[in-house]
C-alpha cells in the first residue's frame, strides 16, 4: 500500500474526464500536491494510505478533483489600490463603490484590466 499526503472521501466524486464520471462513494488520493488516484473509495483506499491527513466527507458532499475556480472580475483589478480593505468589508460596497467605479471605466481601461 502506497502512502500519500492526503486522502479525501466524499459521497460523490465527479470527474471532468470524457465521459464524465460520477462515483457514488468515491475517494481521491493526493501526494505532493498531485492527484494520484480517483475512484471508488474501496479501490483508492486499498491502494493508498493517507499519511498527513485524511478527510472524510462521505455524508452528502461532492468532490470535484482538479476543478479550478477561474471566476474573476477583471475590471475590479484596477480597484484594488483605489480603496482600503476596511472599506471593502462594508456591506454596501456594491452600490456605493463597485458599480459606480465600473460605470466610470472606459473601454480601454476595461480591456487593460482584463
PDB file of N, CA and C in Angstrom:
ATOM      1  N   UNK A   1       0.844  -1.173   0.000  1.00  0.00           N
ATOM      2  CA  UNK A   1       0.000   0.000   0.000  1.00  0.00           C
ATOM      3  C   UNK A   1       0.893   1.241   0.000  1.00  0.00           C
ATOM      4  N   UNK A   2       0.617   2.146  -0.907  1.00  0.00           N
ATOM      5  CA  UNK A   2       1.431   3.358  -1.055  1.00  0.00           C
ATOM      6  C   UNK A   2       0.918   4.452  -0.123  1.00  0.00           C
ATOM      7  N   UNK A   3       1.836   5.117   0.524  1.00  0.00           N
ATOM      8  CA  UNK A   3       1.477   6.220   1.410  1.00  0.00           C
ATOM      9  C   UNK A   3       1.419   7.524   0.598  1.00  0.00           C
ATOM     10  N   UNK A   4       0.362   8.311   0.840  1.00  0.00           N
ATOM     11  CA  UNK A   4       0.204   9.613   0.196  1.00  0.00           C
ATOM     12  C   UNK A   4      -0.037  10.658   1.278  1.00  0.00           C
ATOM     13  N   UNK A   5       0.088  11.918   0.898  1.00  0.00           N
ATOM     14  CA  UNK A   5      -0.106  13.002   1.859  1.00  0.00           C
ATOM     15  C   UNK A   5      -1.545  13.126   2.324  1.00  0.00           C
ATOM     16  N   UNK A   6      -2.476  12.874   1.408  1.00  0.00           N
ATOM     17  CA  UNK A   6      -3.877  13.168   1.695  1.00  0.00           C
ATOM     18  C   UNK A   6      -4.793  12.209   0.960  1.00  0.00           C
ATOM     19  N   UNK A   7      -5.809  11.753   1.668  1.00  0.00           N
ATOM     20  CA  UNK A   7      -6.899  11.001   1.049  1.00  0.00           C
ATOM     21  C   UNK A   7      -8.195  11.709   1.430  1.00  0.00           C
ATOM     22  N   UNK A   8      -9.027  11.961   0.434  1.00  0.00           N
ATOM     23  CA  UNK A   8     -10.310  12.608   0.666  1.00  0.00           C
ATOM     24  C   UNK A   8     -11.415  11.671   0.201  1.00  0.00           C
ATOM     25  N   UNK A   9     -12.368  11.427   1.093  1.00  0.00           N
ATOM     26  CA  UNK A   9     -13.541  10.629   0.742  1.00  0.00           C
ATOM     27  C   UNK A   9     -14.740  11.544   0.657  1.00  0.00           C
ATOM     28  N   UNK A  10     -15.637  11.260  -0.274  1.00  0.00           N
ATOM     29  CA  UNK A  10     -16.852  12.054  -0.410  1.00  0.00           C
ATOM     30  C   UNK A  10     -17.990  11.169  -0.885  1.00  0.00           C
ATOM     31  N   UNK A  11     -19.192  11.628  -0.641  1.00  0.00           N
ATOM     32  CA  UNK A  11     -20.353  10.865  -1.091  1.00  0.00           C
ATOM     33  C   UNK A  11     -20.313  10.710  -2.610  1.00  0.00           C
ATOM     34  N   UNK A  12     -19.998  11.816  -3.298  1.00  0.00           N
ATOM     35  CA  UNK A  12     -19.884  11.776  -4.748  1.00  0.00           C
ATOM     36  C   UNK A  12     -18.549  12.373  -5.165  1.00  0.00           C
ATOM     37  N   UNK A  13     -17.872  11.714  -6.093  1.00  0.00           N
ATOM     38  CA  UNK A  13     -16.676  12.264  -6.716  1.00  0.00           C
ATOM     39  C   UNK A  13     -17.011  12.422  -8.199  1.00  0.00           C
ATOM     40  N   UNK A  14     -16.905  13.650  -8.675  1.00  0.00           N
ATOM     41  CA  UNK A  14     -17.256  13.973 -10.055  1.00  0.00           C
ATOM     42  C   UNK A  14     -15.981  14.308 -10.799  1.00  0.00           C
ATOM     43  N   UNK A  15     -15.716  13.590 -11.879  1.00  0.00           N
ATOM     44  CA  UNK A  15     -14.515  13.854 -12.668  1.00  0.00           C
ATOM     45  C   UNK A  15     -14.884  14.657 -13.906  1.00  0.00           C
ATOM     46  N   UNK A  16     -13.926  15.324 -14.429  1.00  0.00           N
ATOM     47  CA  UNK A  16     -14.124  16.089 -15.656  1.00  0.00           C
ATOM     48  C   UNK A  16     -13.604  15.312 -16.863  1.00  0.00           C
ATOM     49  N   UNK A  17     -13.451  14.008 -16.698  1.00  0.00           N
ATOM     50  CA  UNK A  17     -12.978  13.174 -17.805  1.00  0.00           C
ATOM     51  C   UNK A  17     -14.060  13.074 -18.876  1.00  0.00           C
ATOM     52  N   UNK A  18     -13.694  12.514 -19.999  1.00  0.00           N
ATOM     53  CA  UNK A  18     -14.640  12.346 -21.078  1.00  0.00           C
ATOM     54  C   UNK A  18     -14.819  10.861 -21.347  1.00  0.00           C
ATOM     55  N   UNK A  19     -15.939  10.253 -21.012  1.00  0.00           N
ATOM     56  CA  UNK A  19     -17.125  10.872 -20.457  1.00  0.00           C
ATOM     57  C   UNK A  19     -16.966  11.166 -18.960  1.00  0.00           C
ATOM     58  N   UNK A  20     -17.736  12.133 -18.474  1.00  0.00           N
ATOM     59  CA  UNK A  20     -17.702  12.493 -17.064  1.00  0.00           C
ATOM     60  C   UNK A  20     -18.134  11.300 -16.214  1.00  0.00           C
ATOM     61  N   UNK A  21     -17.453  11.105 -15.099  1.00  0.00           N
ATOM     62  CA  UNK A  21     -17.773  10.005 -14.188  1.00  0.00           C
ATOM     63  C   UNK A  21     -18.274  10.601 -12.880  1.00  0.00           C
ATOM     64  N   UNK A  22     -19.391  10.056 -12.384  1.00  0.00           N
ATOM     65  CA  UNK A  22     -19.889  10.427 -11.064  1.00  0.00           C
ATOM     66  C   UNK A  22     -19.810   9.173 -10.215  1.00  0.00           C
ATOM     67  N   UNK A  23     -18.840   9.157  -9.320  1.00  0.00           N
ATOM     68  CA  UNK A  23     -18.585   7.983  -8.476  1.00  0.00           C
ATOM     69  C   UNK A  23     -19.341   8.138  -7.167  1.00  0.00           C
ATOM     70  N   UNK A  24     -20.275   7.232  -6.900  1.00  0.00           N
ATOM     71  CA  UNK A  24     -21.019   7.255  -5.642  1.00  0.00           C
ATOM     72  C   UNK A  24     -20.177   6.542  -4.590  1.00  0.00           C
ATOM     73  N   UNK A  25     -19.758   7.280  -3.569  1.00  0.00           N
ATOM     74  CA  UNK A  25     -18.866   6.701  -2.560  1.00  0.00           C
ATOM     75  C   UNK A  25     -17.443   6.655  -3.071  1.00  0.00           C
ATOM     76  N   UNK A  26     -16.906   7.823  -3.426  1.00  0.00           N
ATOM     77  CA  UNK A  26     -15.580   7.884  -4.034  1.00  0.00           C
ATOM     78  C   UNK A  26     -14.515   8.430  -3.113  1.00  0.00           C
ATOM     79  N   UNK A  27     -13.296   8.428  -3.631  1.00  0.00           N
ATOM     80  CA  UNK A  27     -12.156   8.966  -2.891  1.00  0.00           C
ATOM     81  C   UNK A  27     -11.105   9.462  -3.870  1.00  0.00           C
ATOM     82  N   UNK A  28     -10.255  10.338  -3.365  1.00  0.00           N
ATOM     83  CA  UNK A  28      -9.152  10.896  -4.140  1.00  0.00           C
ATOM     84  C   UNK A  28      -7.896  10.808  -3.284  1.00  0.00           C
ATOM     85  N   UNK A  29      -6.814  10.330  -3.875  1.00  0.00           N
ATOM     86  CA  UNK A  29      -5.515  10.282  -3.197  1.00  0.00           C
ATOM     87  C   UNK A  29      -4.639  11.380  -3.780  1.00  0.00           C
ATOM     88  N   UNK A  30      -4.013  12.169  -2.897  1.00  0.00           N
ATOM     89  CA  UNK A  30      -3.175  13.285  -3.319  1.00  0.00           C
ATOM     90  C   UNK A  30      -1.810  13.150  -2.657  1.00  0.00           C
ATOM     91  N   UNK A  31      -0.760  13.311  -3.450  1.00  0.00           N
ATOM     92  CA  UNK A  31       0.597  13.251  -2.912  1.00  0.00           C
ATOM     93  C   UNK A  31       1.442  14.363  -3.512  1.00  0.00           C
ATOM     94  N   UNK A  32       2.077  15.116  -2.642  1.00  0.00           N
ATOM     95  CA  UNK A  32       2.948  16.212  -3.077  1.00  0.00           C
ATOM     96  C   UNK A  32       2.214  17.188  -4.007  1.00  0.00           C
ATOM     97  N   UNK A  33       0.931  17.434  -3.692  1.00  0.00           N
ATOM     98  CA  UNK A  33       0.143  18.373  -4.471  1.00  0.00           C
ATOM     99  C   UNK A  33      -0.417  17.831  -5.768  1.00  0.00           C
ATOM    100  N   UNK A  34      -0.181  16.569  -6.074  1.00  0.00           N
ATOM    101  CA  UNK A  34      -0.665  15.974  -7.318  1.00  0.00           C
ATOM    102  C   UNK A  34      -1.695  14.888  -7.034  1.00  0.00           C
ATOM    103  N   UNK A  35      -2.720  14.828  -7.863  1.00  0.00           N
ATOM    104  CA  UNK A  35      -3.726  13.781  -7.728  1.00  0.00           C
ATOM    105  C   UNK A  35      -3.127  12.468  -8.216  1.00  0.00           C
ATOM    106  N   UNK A  36      -3.106  11.476  -7.332  1.00  0.00           N
ATOM    107  CA  UNK A  36      -2.543  10.159  -7.680  1.00  0.00           C
ATOM    108  C   UNK A  36      -3.618   9.185  -8.149  1.00  0.00           C
ATOM    109  N   UNK A  37      -4.815   9.272  -7.551  1.00  0.00           N
ATOM    110  CA  UNK A  37      -5.869   8.323  -7.902  1.00  0.00           C
ATOM    111  C   UNK A  37      -7.234   8.915  -7.594  1.00  0.00           C
ATOM    112  N   UNK A  38      -8.200   8.538  -8.441  1.00  0.00           N
ATOM    113  CA  UNK A  38      -9.596   8.928  -8.258  1.00  0.00           C
ATOM    114  C   UNK A  38     -10.429   7.697  -8.554  1.00  0.00           C
ATOM    115  N   UNK A  39     -11.415   7.414  -7.704  1.00  0.00           N
ATOM    116  CA  UNK A  39     -12.267   6.272  -7.977  1.00  0.00           C
ATOM    117  C   UNK A  39     -13.126   5.900  -6.796  1.00  0.00           C
ATOM    118  N   UNK A  40     -13.627   4.666  -6.827  1.00  0.00           N
ATOM    119  CA  UNK A  40     -14.411   4.162  -5.700  1.00  0.00           C
ATOM    120  C   UNK A  40     -13.539   4.191  -4.453  1.00  0.00           C
ATOM    121  N   UNK A  41     -14.125   4.563  -3.332  1.00  0.00           N
ATOM    122  CA  UNK A  41     -13.368   4.673  -2.085  1.00  0.00           C
ATOM    123  C   UNK A  41     -12.693   3.350  -1.741  1.00  0.00           C
ATOM    124  N   UNK A  42     -13.386   2.248  -1.939  1.00  0.00           N
ATOM    125  CA  UNK A  42     -12.802   0.946  -1.600  1.00  0.00           C
ATOM    126  C   UNK A  42     -11.543   0.664  -2.418  1.00  0.00           C
ATOM    127  N   UNK A  43     -11.553   1.043  -3.687  1.00  0.00           N
ATOM    128  CA  UNK A  43     -10.388   0.815  -4.551  1.00  0.00           C
ATOM    129  C   UNK A  43      -9.231   1.749  -4.193  1.00  0.00           C
ATOM    130  N   UNK A  44      -9.530   3.040  -4.012  1.00  0.00           N
ATOM    131  CA  UNK A  44      -8.482   4.008  -3.683  1.00  0.00           C
ATOM    132  C   UNK A  44      -7.862   3.667  -2.326  1.00  0.00           C
ATOM    133  N   UNK A  45      -8.701   3.349  -1.345  1.00  0.00           N
ATOM    134  CA  UNK A  45      -8.199   3.058  -0.001  1.00  0.00           C
ATOM    135  C   UNK A  45      -7.462   1.721   0.078  1.00  0.00           C
ATOM    136  N   UNK A  46      -7.702   0.836  -0.876  1.00  0.00           N
ATOM    137  CA  UNK A  46      -6.956  -0.423  -0.882  1.00  0.00           C
ATOM    138  C   UNK A  46      -5.555  -0.239  -1.468  1.00  0.00           C
ATOM    139  N   UNK A  47      -5.346   0.850  -2.214  1.00  0.00           N
ATOM    140  CA  UNK A  47      -4.049   1.114  -2.840  1.00  0.00           C
ATOM    141  C   UNK A  47      -3.247   2.201  -2.138  1.00  0.00           C
ATOM    142  N   UNK A  48      -3.954   3.148  -1.477  1.00  0.00           N
ATOM    143  CA  UNK A  48      -3.284   4.307  -0.901  1.00  0.00           C
ATOM    144  C   UNK A  48      -3.701   4.502   0.549  1.00  0.00           C
ATOM    145  N   UNK A  49      -2.728   4.906   1.340  1.00  0.00           N
ATOM    146  CA  UNK A  49      -2.975   5.180   2.748  1.00  0.00           C
ATOM    147  C   UNK A  49      -2.625   6.641   2.999  1.00  0.00           C
ATOM    148  N   UNK A  50      -3.571   7.389   3.590  1.00  0.00           N
ATOM    149  CA  UNK A  50      -3.342   8.798   3.889  1.00  0.00           C
ATOM    150  C   UNK A  50      -2.337   8.950   5.017  1.00  0.00           C
ATOM    151  N   UNK A  51      -1.341   9.772   4.798  1.00  0.00           N
ATOM    152  CA  UNK A  51      -0.315   9.978   5.803  1.00  0.00           C
ATOM    153  C   UNK A  51      -0.600  11.175   6.670  1.00  0.00           C
ATOM    154  N   UNK A  52      -0.403  12.351   6.112  1.00  0.00           N
ATOM    155  CA  UNK A  52      -0.556  13.581   6.867  1.00  0.00           C
ATOM    156  C   UNK A  52      -2.011  13.844   7.232  1.00  0.00           C
ATOM    157  N   UNK A  53      -2.923  13.556   6.320  1.00  0.00           N
ATOM    158  CA  UNK A  53      -4.302  13.959   6.544  1.00  0.00           C
ATOM    159  C   UNK A  53      -5.272  13.046   5.796  1.00  0.00           C
ATOM    160  N   UNK A  54      -6.377  12.733   6.445  1.00  0.00           N
ATOM    161  CA  UNK A  54      -7.478  12.014   5.817  1.00  0.00           C
ATOM    162  C   UNK A  54      -8.734  12.831   6.082  1.00  0.00           C
ATOM    163  N   UNK A  55      -9.420  13.193   5.027  1.00  0.00           N
ATOM    164  CA  UNK A  55     -10.645  13.969   5.152  1.00  0.00           C
ATOM    165  C   UNK A  55     -11.789  13.074   4.706  1.00  0.00           C
ATOM    166  N   UNK A  56     -12.761  12.880   5.591  1.00  0.00           N
ATOM    167  CA  UNK A  56     -13.907  12.035   5.268  1.00  0.00           C
ATOM    168  C   UNK A  56     -15.154  12.902   5.151  1.00  0.00           C
ATOM    169  N   UNK A  57     -15.615  13.069   3.939  1.00  0.00           N
ATOM    170  CA  UNK A  57     -16.826  13.836   3.654  1.00  0.00           C
ATOM    171  C   UNK A  57     -17.853  12.907   3.007  1.00  0.00           C
ATOM    172  N   UNK A  58     -17.948  11.704   3.536  1.00  0.00           N
ATOM    173  CA  UNK A  58     -18.782  10.668   2.944  1.00  0.00           C
ATOM    174  C   UNK A  58     -20.268  10.924   2.999  1.00  0.00           C
ATOM    175  N   UNK A  59     -20.719  11.808   3.870  1.00  0.00           N
ATOM    176  CA  UNK A  59     -22.158  12.026   4.048  1.00  0.00           C
ATOM    177  C   UNK A  59     -22.885  12.542   2.834  1.00  0.00           C
ATOM    178  N   UNK A  60     -22.730  13.840   2.540  1.00  0.00           N
ATOM    179  CA  UNK A  60     -23.500  14.437   1.454  1.00  0.00           C
ATOM    180  C   UNK A  60     -22.646  15.267   0.516  1.00  0.00           C
ATOM    181  N   UNK A  61     -21.379  15.264   0.673  1.00  0.00           N
ATOM    182  CA  UNK A  61     -20.524  16.186  -0.062  1.00  0.00           C
ATOM    183  C   UNK A  61     -20.167  15.689  -1.462  1.00  0.00           C
ATOM    184  N   UNK A  62     -19.881  16.666  -2.324  1.00  0.00           N
ATOM    185  CA  UNK A  62     -19.435  16.398  -3.688  1.00  0.00           C
ATOM    186  C   UNK A  62     -17.998  16.864  -3.798  1.00  0.00           C
ATOM    187  N   UNK A  63     -17.147  16.026  -4.328  1.00  0.00           N
ATOM    188  CA  UNK A  63     -15.736  16.355  -4.527  1.00  0.00           C
ATOM    189  C   UNK A  63     -15.462  16.366  -6.023  1.00  0.00           C
ATOM    190  N   UNK A  64     -14.859  17.458  -6.484  1.00  0.00           N
ATOM    191  CA  UNK A  64     -14.548  17.593  -7.915  1.00  0.00           C
ATOM    192  C   UNK A  64     -13.046  17.817  -8.051  1.00  0.00           C
ATOM    193  N   UNK A  65     -12.268  16.736  -8.103  1.00  0.00           N
ATOM    194  CA  UNK A  65     -10.810  16.890  -8.149  1.00  0.00           C
ATOM    195  C   UNK A  65     -10.336  17.584  -9.412  1.00  0.00           C
ATOM    196  N   UNK A  66      -9.398  18.497  -9.223  1.00  0.00           N
ATOM    197  CA  UNK A  66      -8.816  19.204 -10.352  1.00  0.00           C
ATOM    198  C   UNK A  66      -9.614  20.395 -10.824  1.00  0.00           C
ATOM    199  N   UNK A  67     -10.777  20.647 -10.216  1.00  0.00           N
ATOM    200  CA  UNK A  67     -11.583  21.785 -10.631  1.00  0.00           C
ATOM    201  C   UNK A  67     -10.874  23.072 -10.209  1.00  0.00           C
ATOM    202  N   UNK A  68     -10.733  23.974 -11.137  1.00  0.00           N
ATOM    203  CA  UNK A  68     -10.113  25.270 -10.869  1.00  0.00           C
ATOM    204  C   UNK A  68     -11.177  26.336 -10.986  1.00  0.00           C
ATOM    205  N   UNK A  69     -11.346  27.120  -9.937  1.00  0.00           N
ATOM    206  CA  UNK A  69     -12.311  28.208  -9.966  1.00  0.00           C
ATOM    207  C   UNK A  69     -11.649  29.410 -10.627  1.00  0.00           C
ATOM    208  N   UNK A  70     -11.984  29.654 -11.860  1.00  0.00           N
ATOM    209  CA  UNK A  70     -11.385  30.749 -12.619  1.00  0.00           C
ATOM    210  C   UNK A  70     -12.255  31.998 -12.592  1.00  0.00           C
ATOM    211  N   UNK A  71     -13.211  32.032 -11.683  1.00  0.00           N
ATOM    212  CA  UNK A  71     -14.112  33.174 -11.557  1.00  0.00           C
ATOM    213  C   UNK A  71     -13.317  34.419 -11.178  1.00  0.00           C
ATOM    214  N   UNK A  72     -13.523  35.459 -11.914  1.00  0.00           N
ATOM    215  CA  UNK A  72     -12.833  36.713 -11.614  1.00  0.00           C
ATOM    216  C   UNK A  72     -13.647  37.886 -12.126  1.00  0.00           C
ATOM    217  N   UNK A  73     -13.397  39.024 -11.559  1.00  0.00           N
ATOM    218  CA  UNK A  73     -13.982  40.273 -12.028  1.00  0.00           C
ATOM    219  C   UNK A  73     -12.815  41.113 -12.524  1.00  0.00           C
ATOM    220  N   UNK A  74     -12.482  40.957 -13.780  1.00  0.00           N
ATOM    221  CA  UNK A  74     -11.262  41.562 -14.309  1.00  0.00           C
ATOM    222  C   UNK A  74     -11.234  43.074 -14.146  1.00  0.00           C
ATOM    223  N   UNK A  75     -12.346  43.717 -14.286  1.00  0.00           N
ATOM    224  CA  UNK A  75     -12.336  45.172 -14.196  1.00  0.00           C
ATOM    225  C   UNK A  75     -12.073  45.663 -12.780  1.00  0.00           C
ATOM    226  N   UNK A  76     -12.265  44.810 -11.775  1.00  0.00           N
ATOM    227  CA  UNK A  76     -12.021  45.227 -10.402  1.00  0.00           C
ATOM    228  C   UNK A  76     -10.551  45.141 -10.021  1.00  0.00           C
ATOM    229  N   UNK A  77      -9.702  44.626 -10.901  1.00  0.00           N
ATOM    230  CA  UNK A  77      -8.264  44.609 -10.636  1.00  0.00           C
ATOM    231  C   UNK A  77      -7.759  46.027 -10.412  1.00  0.00           C
ATOM    232  N   UNK A  78      -8.255  46.959 -11.201  1.00  0.00           N
ATOM    233  CA  UNK A  78      -7.831  48.353 -11.055  1.00  0.00           C
ATOM    234  C   UNK A  78      -8.354  48.977  -9.761  1.00  0.00           C
ATOM    235  N   UNK A  79      -9.375  48.381  -9.166  1.00  0.00           N
ATOM    236  CA  UNK A  79      -9.965  48.905  -7.940  1.00  0.00           C
ATOM    237  C   UNK A  79      -9.148  48.547  -6.702  1.00  0.00           C
ATOM    238  N   UNK A  80      -8.278  47.559  -6.788  1.00  0.00           N
ATOM    239  CA  UNK A  80      -7.545  47.076  -5.621  1.00  0.00           C
ATOM    240  C   UNK A  80      -6.775  48.159  -4.881  1.00  0.00           C
ATOM    241  N   UNK A  81      -6.091  49.016  -5.587  1.00  0.00           N
ATOM    242  CA  UNK A  81      -5.312  50.043  -4.914  1.00  0.00           C
ATOM    243  C   UNK A  81      -6.117  51.321  -4.693  1.00  0.00           C
ATOM    244  N   UNK A  82      -7.337  51.331  -5.145  1.00  0.00           N
ATOM    245  CA  UNK A  82      -8.174  52.525  -5.062  1.00  0.00           C
ATOM    246  C   UNK A  82      -8.853  52.656  -3.699  1.00  0.00           C
ATOM    247  N   UNK A  83      -9.241  51.520  -3.094  1.00  0.00           N
ATOM    248  CA  UNK A  83      -9.907  51.580  -1.793  1.00  0.00           C
ATOM    249  C   UNK A  83      -9.235  50.617  -0.823  1.00  0.00           C
ATOM    250  N   UNK A  84      -9.399  50.884   0.465  1.00  0.00           N
ATOM    251  CA  UNK A  84      -8.749  50.078   1.501  1.00  0.00           C
ATOM    252  C   UNK A  84      -9.556  48.821   1.798  1.00  0.00           C
ATOM    253  N   UNK A  85      -8.904  47.840   2.458  1.00  0.00           N
ATOM    254  CA  UNK A  85      -9.578  46.603   2.850  1.00  0.00           C
ATOM    255  C   UNK A  85     -10.733  46.889   3.815  1.00  0.00           C
ATOM    256  N   UNK A  86     -10.563  47.898   4.668  1.00  0.00           N
ATOM    257  CA  UNK A  86     -11.626  48.240   5.622  1.00  0.00           C
ATOM    258  C   UNK A  86     -12.895  48.679   4.894  1.00  0.00           C
ATOM    259  N   UNK A  87     -12.714  49.471   3.867  1.00  0.00           N
ATOM    260  CA  UNK A  87     -13.874  49.938   3.103  1.00  0.00           C
ATOM    261  C   UNK A  87     -14.476  48.805   2.279  1.00  0.00           C
ATOM    262  N   UNK A  88     -13.629  47.871   1.831  1.00  0.00           N
ATOM    263  CA  UNK A  88     -14.147  46.736   1.064  1.00  0.00           C
ATOM    264  C   UNK A  88     -15.047  45.850   1.906  1.00  0.00           C
ATOM    265  N   UNK A  89     -14.833  45.809   3.221  1.00  0.00           N
ATOM    266  CA  UNK A  89     -15.595  44.937   4.107  1.00  0.00           C
ATOM    267  C   UNK A  89     -17.007  45.456   4.371  1.00  0.00           C
ATOM    268  N   UNK A  90     -17.284  46.666   3.994  1.00  0.00           N
ATOM    269  CA  UNK A  90     -18.602  47.236   4.242  1.00  0.00           C
ATOM    270  C   UNK A  90     -19.654  46.595   3.340  1.00  0.00           C
ATOM    271  N   UNK A  91     -20.827  46.246   3.891  1.00  0.00           N
ATOM    272  CA  UNK A  91     -21.881  45.611   3.087  1.00  0.00           C
ATOM    273  C   UNK A  91     -22.331  46.397   1.863  1.00  0.00           C
ATOM    274  N   UNK A  92     -22.486  47.721   1.932  1.00  0.00           N
ATOM    275  CA  UNK A  92     -22.990  48.427   0.741  1.00  0.00           C
ATOM    276  C   UNK A  92     -21.921  48.680  -0.321  1.00  0.00           C
ATOM    277  N   UNK A  93     -20.860  47.890  -0.298  1.00  0.00           N
ATOM    278  CA  UNK A  93     -19.748  48.089  -1.236  1.00  0.00           C
ATOM    279  C   UNK A  93     -20.196  48.093  -2.689  1.00  0.00           C
ATOM    280  N   UNK A  94     -21.119  47.208  -3.018  1.00  0.00           N
ATOM    281  CA  UNK A  94     -21.535  47.102  -4.416  1.00  0.00           C
ATOM    282  C   UNK A  94     -22.207  48.378  -4.894  1.00  0.00           C
ATOM    283  N   UNK A  95     -23.125  48.876  -4.088  1.00  0.00           N
ATOM    284  CA  UNK A  95     -23.900  50.044  -4.502  1.00  0.00           C
ATOM    285  C   UNK A  95     -23.074  51.321  -4.434  1.00  0.00           C
ATOM    286  N   UNK A  96     -22.268  51.453  -3.385  1.00  0.00           N
ATOM    287  CA  UNK A  96     -21.547  52.710  -3.174  1.00  0.00           C
ATOM    288  C   UNK A  96     -20.234  52.809  -3.937  1.00  0.00           C
ATOM    289  N   UNK A  97     -19.564  51.680  -4.187  1.00  0.00           N
ATOM    290  CA  UNK A  97     -18.230  51.751  -4.780  1.00  0.00           C
ATOM    291  C   UNK A  97     -18.058  50.974  -6.077  1.00  0.00           C
ATOM    292  N   UNK A  98     -18.362  49.683  -6.050  1.00  0.00           N
ATOM    293  CA  UNK A  98     -18.034  48.847  -7.205  1.00  0.00           C
ATOM    294  C   UNK A  98     -18.813  49.217  -8.462  1.00  0.00           C
ATOM    295  N   UNK A  99     -20.103  49.330  -8.326  1.00  0.00           N
ATOM    296  CA  UNK A  99     -20.910  49.644  -9.510  1.00  0.00           C
ATOM    297  C   UNK A  99     -20.566  51.037 -10.049  1.00  0.00           C
ATOM    298  N   UNK A 100     -20.498  52.060  -9.187  1.00  0.00           N
ATOM    299  CA  UNK A 100     -20.091  53.371  -9.728  1.00  0.00           C
ATOM    300  C   UNK A 100     -18.690  53.351 -10.342  1.00  0.00           C
ATOM    301  N   UNK A 101     -17.778  52.613  -9.734  1.00  0.00           N
ATOM    302  CA  UNK A 101     -16.428  52.524 -10.277  1.00  0.00           C
ATOM    303  C   UNK A 101     -16.443  51.901 -11.672  1.00  0.00           C
ATOM    304  N   UNK A 102     -17.139  50.786 -11.815  1.00  0.00           N
ATOM    305  CA  UNK A 102     -17.178  50.116 -13.118  1.00  0.00           C
ATOM    306  C   UNK A 102     -17.903  50.957 -14.162  1.00  0.00           C
ATOM    307  N   UNK A 103     -18.861  51.757 -13.736  1.00  0.00           N
ATOM    308  CA  UNK A 103     -19.538  52.658 -14.681  1.00  0.00           C
ATOM    309  C   UNK A 103     -18.582  53.699 -15.247  1.00  0.00           C
ATOM    310  N   UNK A 104     -17.551  54.055 -14.483  1.00  0.00           N
ATOM    311  CA  UNK A 104     -16.592  55.071 -14.925  1.00  0.00           C
ATOM    312  C   UNK A 104     -15.528  54.532 -15.875  1.00  0.00           C
ATOM    313  N   UNK A 105     -15.399  53.211 -15.952  1.00  0.00           N
ATOM    314  CA  UNK A 105     -14.347  52.626 -16.784  1.00  0.00           C
ATOM    315  C   UNK A 105     -14.638  52.831 -18.269  1.00  0.00           C
ATOM    316  N   UNK A 106     -13.632  53.282 -18.956  1.00  0.00           N
ATOM    317  CA  UNK A 106     -13.736  53.367 -20.414  1.00  0.00           C
ATOM    318  C   UNK A 106     -13.493  51.980 -21.001  1.00  0.00           C
ATOM    319  N   UNK A 107     -13.771  51.809 -22.262  1.00  0.00           N
ATOM    320  CA  UNK A 107     -13.496  50.529 -22.924  1.00  0.00           C
ATOM    321  C   UNK A 107     -12.010  50.190 -22.837  1.00  0.00           C
ATOM    322  N   UNK A 108     -11.151  51.205 -22.981  1.00  0.00           N
ATOM    323  CA  UNK A 108      -9.710  50.966 -22.911  1.00  0.00           C
ATOM    324  C   UNK A 108      -9.279  50.492 -21.531  1.00  0.00           C
ATOM    325  N   UNK A 109      -9.821  51.117 -20.467  1.00  0.00           N
ATOM    326  CA  UNK A 109      -9.482  50.673 -19.109  1.00  0.00           C
ATOM    327  C   UNK A 109     -10.008  49.263 -18.826  1.00  0.00           C
ATOM    328  N   UNK A 110     -11.213  48.962 -19.287  1.00  0.00           N
ATOM    329  CA  UNK A 110     -11.766  47.620 -19.090  1.00  0.00           C
ATOM    330  C   UNK A 110     -10.882  46.582 -19.807  1.00  0.00           C
ATOM    331  N   UNK A 111     -10.452  46.888 -21.019  1.00  0.00           N
ATOM    332  CA  UNK A 111      -9.572  45.985 -21.771  1.00  0.00           C
ATOM    333  C   UNK A 111      -8.235  45.828 -21.049  1.00  0.00           C
ATOM    334  N   UNK A 112      -7.688  46.934 -20.547  1.00  0.00           N
ATOM    335  CA  UNK A 112      -6.412  46.898 -19.832  1.00  0.00           C
ATOM    336  C   UNK A 112      -6.493  46.028 -18.581  1.00  0.00           C
ATOM    337  N   UNK A 113      -7.566  46.152 -17.834  1.00  0.00           N
ATOM    338  CA  UNK A 113      -7.694  45.371 -16.600  1.00  0.00           C
ATOM    339  C   UNK A 113      -7.903  43.893 -16.885  1.00  0.00           C
ATOM    340  N   UNK A 114      -8.432  43.571 -18.060  1.00  0.00           N
ATOM    341  CA  UNK A 114      -8.643  42.171 -18.418  1.00  0.00           C
ATOM    342  C   UNK A 114      -7.348  41.536 -18.837  1.00  0.00           C
TER     343      UNK A 114
END
